Amino acid sequence: MSAFEKFPANDLALLRTELLRSGLDCFQTAELLAGFLAQRGYGVSTDEARAAVTHIEAAGCTLPCLQEQLEKLAVVM
């Protein structure tokens, strides 16, 4: 069993759609990710969230990458 948080696929798909349609910059996207996690009880530093955004953008915002980065952020905090 994984020690990482698992986020519902529907929640991730909605977040991904919002990210792809929003046209946000790196800082705004980091805030969006932090808000997504805060709603689920996680605190996230802006530096960690921006690092995650860099990975997500580099991978083309795929669902597996989004899940992986959110899991890492959820465990870090």
N, C-alpha and C. Protein backbone atom coordinates (compact mmCIF):
# COMPACT_ATOMS: atom_id res chain seq x y z
N MET A 1 0.84 -1.18 0.00
CA MET A 1 0.00 0.00 0.00
C MET A 1 0.89 1.25 0.00
N SER A 2 0.50 2.22 -0.79
CA SER A 2 1.27 3.45 -0.92
C SER A 2 1.10 4.35 0.30
N ALA A 3 2.16 5.04 0.65
CA ALA A 3 2.11 6.00 1.74
C ALA A 3 1.59 7.35 1.25
N PHE A 4 1.34 7.47 -0.02
CA PHE A 4 0.89 8.72 -0.60
C PHE A 4 -0.62 8.85 -0.53
N GLU A 5 -1.07 10.09 -0.52
CA GLU A 5 -2.49 10.39 -0.60
C GLU A 5 -2.96 10.09 -2.02
N LYS A 6 -4.12 9.51 -2.13
CA LYS A 6 -4.71 9.26 -3.44
C LYS A 6 -5.90 10.19 -3.61
N PHE A 7 -5.89 10.94 -4.67
CA PHE A 7 -6.97 11.87 -4.94
C PHE A 7 -7.93 11.25 -5.94
N PRO A 8 -9.22 11.49 -5.76
CA PRO A 8 -10.21 10.91 -6.68
C PRO A 8 -9.94 11.33 -8.13
N ALA A 9 -10.08 10.39 -9.04
CA ALA A 9 -9.80 10.63 -10.45
C ALA A 9 -10.64 11.78 -10.99
N ASN A 10 -11.90 11.87 -10.57
CA ASN A 10 -12.77 12.95 -11.06
C ASN A 10 -12.25 14.31 -10.60
N ASP A 11 -11.79 14.40 -9.34
CA ASP A 11 -11.23 15.66 -8.84
C ASP A 11 -10.00 16.06 -9.64
N LEU A 12 -9.15 15.08 -9.94
CA LEU A 12 -7.94 15.37 -10.73
C LEU A 12 -8.29 15.81 -12.14
N ALA A 13 -9.27 15.15 -12.74
CA ALA A 13 -9.68 15.51 -14.10
C ALA A 13 -10.23 16.94 -14.14
N LEU A 14 -11.02 17.30 -13.14
CA LEU A 14 -11.56 18.67 -13.08
C LEU A 14 -10.45 19.69 -12.87
N LEU A 15 -9.51 19.38 -11.99
CA LEU A 15 -8.37 20.26 -11.76
C LEU A 15 -7.55 20.42 -13.04
N ARG A 16 -7.28 19.32 -13.71
CA ARG A 16 -6.50 19.36 -14.95
C ARG A 16 -7.19 20.23 -16.00
N THR A 17 -8.49 20.05 -16.15
CA THR A 17 -9.25 20.85 -17.11
C THR A 17 -9.14 22.33 -16.77
N GLU A 18 -9.28 22.65 -15.49
CA GLU A 18 -9.15 24.04 -15.06
C GLU A 18 -7.76 24.59 -15.36
N LEU A 19 -6.74 23.78 -15.10
CA LEU A 19 -5.36 24.22 -15.37
C LEU A 19 -5.14 24.48 -16.86
N LEU A 20 -5.66 23.59 -17.69
CA LEU A 20 -5.44 23.72 -19.12
C LEU A 20 -6.20 24.90 -19.73
N ARG A 21 -7.36 25.21 -19.19
CA ARG A 21 -8.19 26.27 -19.74
C ARG A 21 -7.90 27.65 -19.16
N SER A 22 -7.26 27.69 -18.02
CA SER A 22 -7.16 28.94 -17.26
C SER A 22 -6.16 29.94 -17.82
N GLY A 23 -5.07 29.47 -18.41
CA GLY A 23 -4.04 30.38 -18.89
C GLY A 23 -3.30 31.09 -17.77
N LEU A 24 -3.23 30.45 -16.61
CA LEU A 24 -2.56 31.04 -15.45
C LEU A 24 -1.05 30.96 -15.60
N ASP A 25 -0.35 31.89 -14.95
CA ASP A 25 1.11 31.81 -14.92
C ASP A 25 1.53 30.83 -13.81
N CYS A 26 2.82 30.61 -13.67
CA CYS A 26 3.36 29.64 -12.71
C CYS A 26 2.93 29.94 -11.28
N PHE A 27 2.95 31.21 -10.91
CA PHE A 27 2.59 31.59 -9.54
C PHE A 27 1.11 31.37 -9.28
N GLN A 28 0.28 31.72 -10.24
CA GLN A 28 -1.16 31.53 -10.10
C GLN A 28 -1.52 30.04 -10.07
N THR A 29 -0.83 29.26 -10.91
CA THR A 29 -1.07 27.83 -10.93
C THR A 29 -0.67 27.20 -9.60
N ALA A 30 0.44 27.66 -9.04
CA ALA A 30 0.87 27.16 -7.73
C ALA A 30 -0.18 27.47 -6.67
N GLU A 31 -0.77 28.66 -6.72
CA GLU A 31 -1.83 29.02 -5.79
C GLU A 31 -3.05 28.13 -5.97
N LEU A 32 -3.37 27.80 -7.22
CA LEU A 32 -4.50 26.91 -7.49
C LEU A 32 -4.25 25.53 -6.90
N LEU A 33 -3.03 25.00 -7.10
CA LEU A 33 -2.69 23.70 -6.52
C LEU A 33 -2.74 23.74 -5.00
N ALA A 34 -2.22 24.81 -4.42
CA ALA A 34 -2.23 24.96 -2.97
C ALA A 34 -3.67 25.01 -2.45
N GLY A 35 -4.54 25.69 -3.18
CA GLY A 35 -5.95 25.75 -2.80
C GLY A 35 -6.62 24.39 -2.89
N PHE A 36 -6.31 23.64 -3.95
CA PHE A 36 -6.85 22.28 -4.12
C PHE A 36 -6.47 21.43 -2.92
N LEU A 37 -5.21 21.51 -2.52
CA LEU A 37 -4.74 20.71 -1.39
C LEU A 37 -5.27 21.23 -0.06
N ALA A 38 -5.38 22.55 0.08
CA ALA A 38 -5.91 23.13 1.32
C ALA A 38 -7.34 22.69 1.57
N GLN A 39 -8.12 22.57 0.52
CA GLN A 39 -9.50 22.09 0.65
C GLN A 39 -9.55 20.66 1.17
N ARG A 40 -8.45 19.96 1.04
CA ARG A 40 -8.38 18.56 1.49
C ARG A 40 -7.56 18.41 2.77
N GLY A 41 -7.25 19.55 3.39
CA GLY A 41 -6.60 19.52 4.69
C GLY A 41 -5.08 19.57 4.68
N TYR A 42 -4.48 19.92 3.55
CA TYR A 42 -3.02 19.99 3.45
C TYR A 42 -2.57 21.43 3.34
N GLY A 43 -1.50 21.76 4.05
CA GLY A 43 -0.85 23.05 3.89
C GLY A 43 0.30 22.87 2.93
N VAL A 44 0.51 23.83 2.04
CA VAL A 44 1.55 23.71 1.03
C VAL A 44 2.33 25.00 0.94
N SER A 45 3.66 24.89 0.94
CA SER A 45 4.47 26.09 0.74
C SER A 45 4.40 26.49 -0.73
N THR A 46 4.51 27.78 -0.97
CA THR A 46 4.46 28.25 -2.35
C THR A 46 5.66 27.77 -3.15
N ASP A 47 6.81 27.65 -2.50
CA ASP A 47 8.00 27.15 -3.21
C ASP A 47 7.79 25.71 -3.68
N GLU A 48 7.27 24.88 -2.81
CA GLU A 48 7.01 23.48 -3.19
C GLU A 48 5.96 23.40 -4.28
N ALA A 49 4.93 24.21 -4.17
CA ALA A 49 3.87 24.21 -5.19
C ALA A 49 4.42 24.67 -6.54
N ARG A 50 5.27 25.70 -6.55
CA ARG A 50 5.86 26.15 -7.82
C ARG A 50 6.76 25.08 -8.42
N ALA A 51 7.50 24.37 -7.60
CA ALA A 51 8.33 23.28 -8.11
C ALA A 51 7.46 22.20 -8.74
N ALA A 52 6.33 21.90 -8.11
CA ALA A 52 5.41 20.91 -8.67
C ALA A 52 4.85 21.38 -10.01
N VAL A 53 4.54 22.66 -10.10
CA VAL A 53 4.01 23.22 -11.35
C VAL A 53 5.02 23.05 -12.47
N THR A 54 6.28 23.26 -12.18
CA THR A 54 7.32 23.09 -13.19
C THR A 54 7.31 21.66 -13.74
N HIS A 55 7.20 20.68 -12.86
CA HIS A 55 7.15 19.28 -13.30
C HIS A 55 5.88 18.99 -14.09
N ILE A 56 4.77 19.52 -13.62
CA ILE A 56 3.49 19.28 -14.29
C ILE A 56 3.50 19.88 -15.70
N GLU A 57 3.99 21.10 -15.82
CA GLU A 57 4.06 21.75 -17.13
C GLU A 57 5.00 21.02 -18.06
N ALA A 58 6.14 20.57 -17.55
CA ALA A 58 7.12 19.86 -18.38
C ALA A 58 6.56 18.55 -18.92
N ALA A 59 5.65 17.94 -18.16
CA ALA A 59 5.07 16.67 -18.57
C ALA A 59 3.79 16.86 -19.40
N GLY A 60 3.45 18.09 -19.71
CA GLY A 60 2.26 18.33 -20.52
C GLY A 60 0.96 18.22 -19.74
N CYS A 61 1.03 18.37 -18.44
CA CYS A 61 -0.15 18.34 -17.56
C CYS A 61 -0.93 17.04 -17.71
N THR A 62 -0.20 15.93 -17.75
CA THR A 62 -0.88 14.64 -17.82
C THR A 62 -1.46 14.29 -16.45
N LEU A 63 -2.52 13.50 -16.46
CA LEU A 63 -3.13 13.10 -15.19
C LEU A 63 -2.17 12.33 -14.29
N PRO A 64 -1.37 11.39 -14.83
CA PRO A 64 -0.42 10.69 -13.95
C PRO A 64 0.59 11.64 -13.29
N CYS A 65 1.08 12.61 -14.04
CA CYS A 65 2.04 13.56 -13.48
C CYS A 65 1.36 14.45 -12.44
N LEU A 66 0.15 14.90 -12.72
CA LEU A 66 -0.59 15.72 -11.78
C LEU A 66 -0.82 14.96 -10.48
N GLN A 67 -1.24 13.71 -10.59
CA GLN A 67 -1.45 12.86 -9.41
C GLN A 67 -0.15 12.71 -8.62
N GLU A 68 0.94 12.42 -9.32
CA GLU A 68 2.23 12.21 -8.66
C GLU A 68 2.68 13.46 -7.91
N GLN A 69 2.58 14.61 -8.56
CA GLN A 69 3.04 15.84 -7.93
C GLN A 69 2.16 16.22 -6.73
N LEU A 70 0.86 16.03 -6.85
CA LEU A 70 -0.04 16.32 -5.73
C LEU A 70 0.24 15.37 -4.56
N GLU A 71 0.49 14.11 -4.87
CA GLU A 71 0.84 13.14 -3.83
C GLU A 71 2.09 13.57 -3.08
N LYS A 72 3.09 14.00 -3.82
CA LYS A 72 4.34 14.44 -3.20
C LYS A 72 4.11 15.66 -2.32
N LEU A 73 3.33 16.60 -2.79
CA LEU A 73 3.04 17.78 -1.98
C LEU A 73 2.26 17.42 -0.73
N ALA A 74 1.34 16.49 -0.85
CA ALA A 74 0.51 16.09 0.30
C ALA A 74 1.36 15.40 1.36
N VAL A 75 2.38 14.70 0.95
CA VAL A 75 3.24 13.99 1.90
C VAL A 75 4.25 14.93 2.53
N VAL A 76 4.75 15.89 1.76
CA VAL A 76 5.77 16.82 2.23
C VAL A 76 5.27 17.62 3.42
N MET A 77 4.04 18.05 3.36
CA MET A 77 3.52 18.94 4.41
C MET A 77 3.03 18.20 5.61
